[in-house]
Amino acid sequence: VLENALDAVIGINSSSIILDWNRHAETIFGWKKAEALGRNITIIIPEKFRTGHKQGMEKYLSTGIGPILNQRIELEALHRDGRHFPIELTVI
């Protein structure tokens, strides 16, 4: 089901390492699944958002609280070719 989803579905672990990457993620972000697996999620996070991501993960891991969990947010992502583009994101 996740592989055939019309949205990018990406799974990461507590160290922000990519564990799952569906076909649509390949199309959107420009990385093939085999290339993305095992890399840090920062390959798709623009530099200006990386500190926020790191701090958010640390807070969630230490408290179980994540202010963006289960909410749709709009921000920018980073394509493999270096361009930034708008996305909608839900962290569950």
Protein backbone atom coordinates (compact mmCIF):
# COMPACT_ATOMS: atom_id res chain seq x y z
CA VAL A 1 0.00 0.00 0.00
CA LEU A 2 2.75 2.47 0.96
CA GLU A 3 4.75 1.66 -2.15
CA ASN A 4 1.80 2.55 -4.35
CA ALA A 5 0.73 5.66 -2.41
CA LEU A 6 0.40 8.82 -4.49
CA ASP A 7 2.40 10.72 -1.87
CA ALA A 8 6.01 10.31 -0.81
CA VAL A 9 6.20 8.01 2.21
CA ILE A 10 9.49 8.07 4.08
CA GLY A 11 10.36 6.21 7.26
CA ILE A 12 13.25 7.20 9.49
CA ASN A 13 14.66 5.95 12.78
CA SER A 14 15.49 7.91 15.94
CA SER A 15 18.84 8.91 14.41
CA SER A 16 17.09 10.37 11.33
CA ILE A 17 18.41 7.57 9.11
CA ILE A 18 16.11 6.70 6.22
CA LEU A 19 14.69 3.19 6.58
CA ASP A 20 11.92 3.30 3.97
CA TRP A 21 11.42 5.31 0.80
CA ASN A 22 8.57 4.65 -1.60
CA ARG A 23 8.42 5.05 -5.35
CA HIS A 24 6.80 8.47 -5.20
CA ALA A 25 9.58 9.73 -2.91
CA GLU A 26 11.98 8.83 -5.72
CA THR A 27 10.01 10.97 -8.14
CA ILE A 28 9.62 13.94 -5.80
CA PHE A 29 13.12 14.11 -4.31
CA GLY A 30 15.25 12.66 -7.11
CA TRP A 31 16.93 9.93 -5.04
CA LYS A 32 16.40 6.27 -5.93
CA LYS A 33 15.34 4.10 -3.00
CA ALA A 34 18.66 2.23 -2.97
CA GLU A 35 20.51 5.55 -2.80
CA ALA A 36 18.33 7.05 -0.05
CA LEU A 37 18.18 4.08 2.32
CA GLY A 38 20.76 4.39 5.07
CA ARG A 39 21.32 8.11 4.53
CA ASN A 40 20.31 10.86 6.91
CA ILE A 41 16.97 12.53 6.18
CA THR A 42 18.85 15.82 5.82
CA ILE A 43 19.42 14.89 2.17
CA ILE A 44 15.94 16.34 1.60
CA ILE A 45 15.95 19.05 4.30
CA PRO A 46 17.27 22.48 3.27
CA GLU A 47 20.10 23.78 5.45
CA LYS A 48 17.90 26.45 7.05
CA PHE A 49 15.58 23.77 8.51
CA ARG A 50 18.17 21.24 9.70
CA THR A 51 18.70 22.73 13.15
CA GLY A 52 14.94 22.79 13.70
CA HIS A 53 14.66 19.17 12.63
CA LYS A 54 17.46 18.12 14.97
CA GLN A 55 16.00 20.04 17.91
CA GLY A 56 12.52 18.66 17.21
CA MET A 57 13.80 15.09 17.12
CA GLU A 58 15.76 15.57 20.35
CA LYS A 59 12.69 17.02 22.10
CA TYR A 60 10.46 14.22 20.87
CA LEU A 61 12.92 11.51 21.89
CA SER A 62 13.40 12.97 25.38
CA THR A 63 9.78 13.97 26.12
CA GLY A 64 7.52 12.19 23.66
CA ILE A 65 6.17 15.59 22.68
CA GLY A 66 6.30 16.79 19.11
CA PRO A 67 4.47 20.00 18.26
CA ILE A 68 4.22 19.16 14.55
CA LEU A 69 3.07 15.56 15.00
CA ASN A 70 -0.13 14.70 13.15
CA GLN A 71 -0.42 18.18 11.65
CA ARG A 72 -0.02 19.22 8.05
CA ILE A 73 2.69 21.84 7.64
CA GLU A 74 3.98 23.63 4.59
CA LEU A 75 7.69 24.19 4.09
CA GLU A 76 10.48 23.67 1.58
CA ALA A 77 12.25 20.46 0.66
CA LEU A 78 15.55 19.85 -1.07
CA HIS A 79 15.73 17.97 -4.37
CA ARG A 80 18.79 15.92 -5.21
CA ASP A 81 19.73 18.48 -7.85
CA GLY A 82 19.92 21.20 -5.18
CA ARG A 83 16.73 23.08 -5.91
CA HIS A 84 14.28 23.93 -3.15
CA PHE A 85 10.57 23.37 -3.70
CA PRO A 86 7.41 23.68 -1.58
CA ILE A 87 5.88 20.62 0.09
CA GLU A 88 3.14 19.73 2.51
CA LEU A 89 4.33 17.40 5.24
CA THR A 90 2.67 15.30 7.92
CA VAL A 91 4.78 13.58 10.56
CA ILE A 92 3.07 10.59 12.14
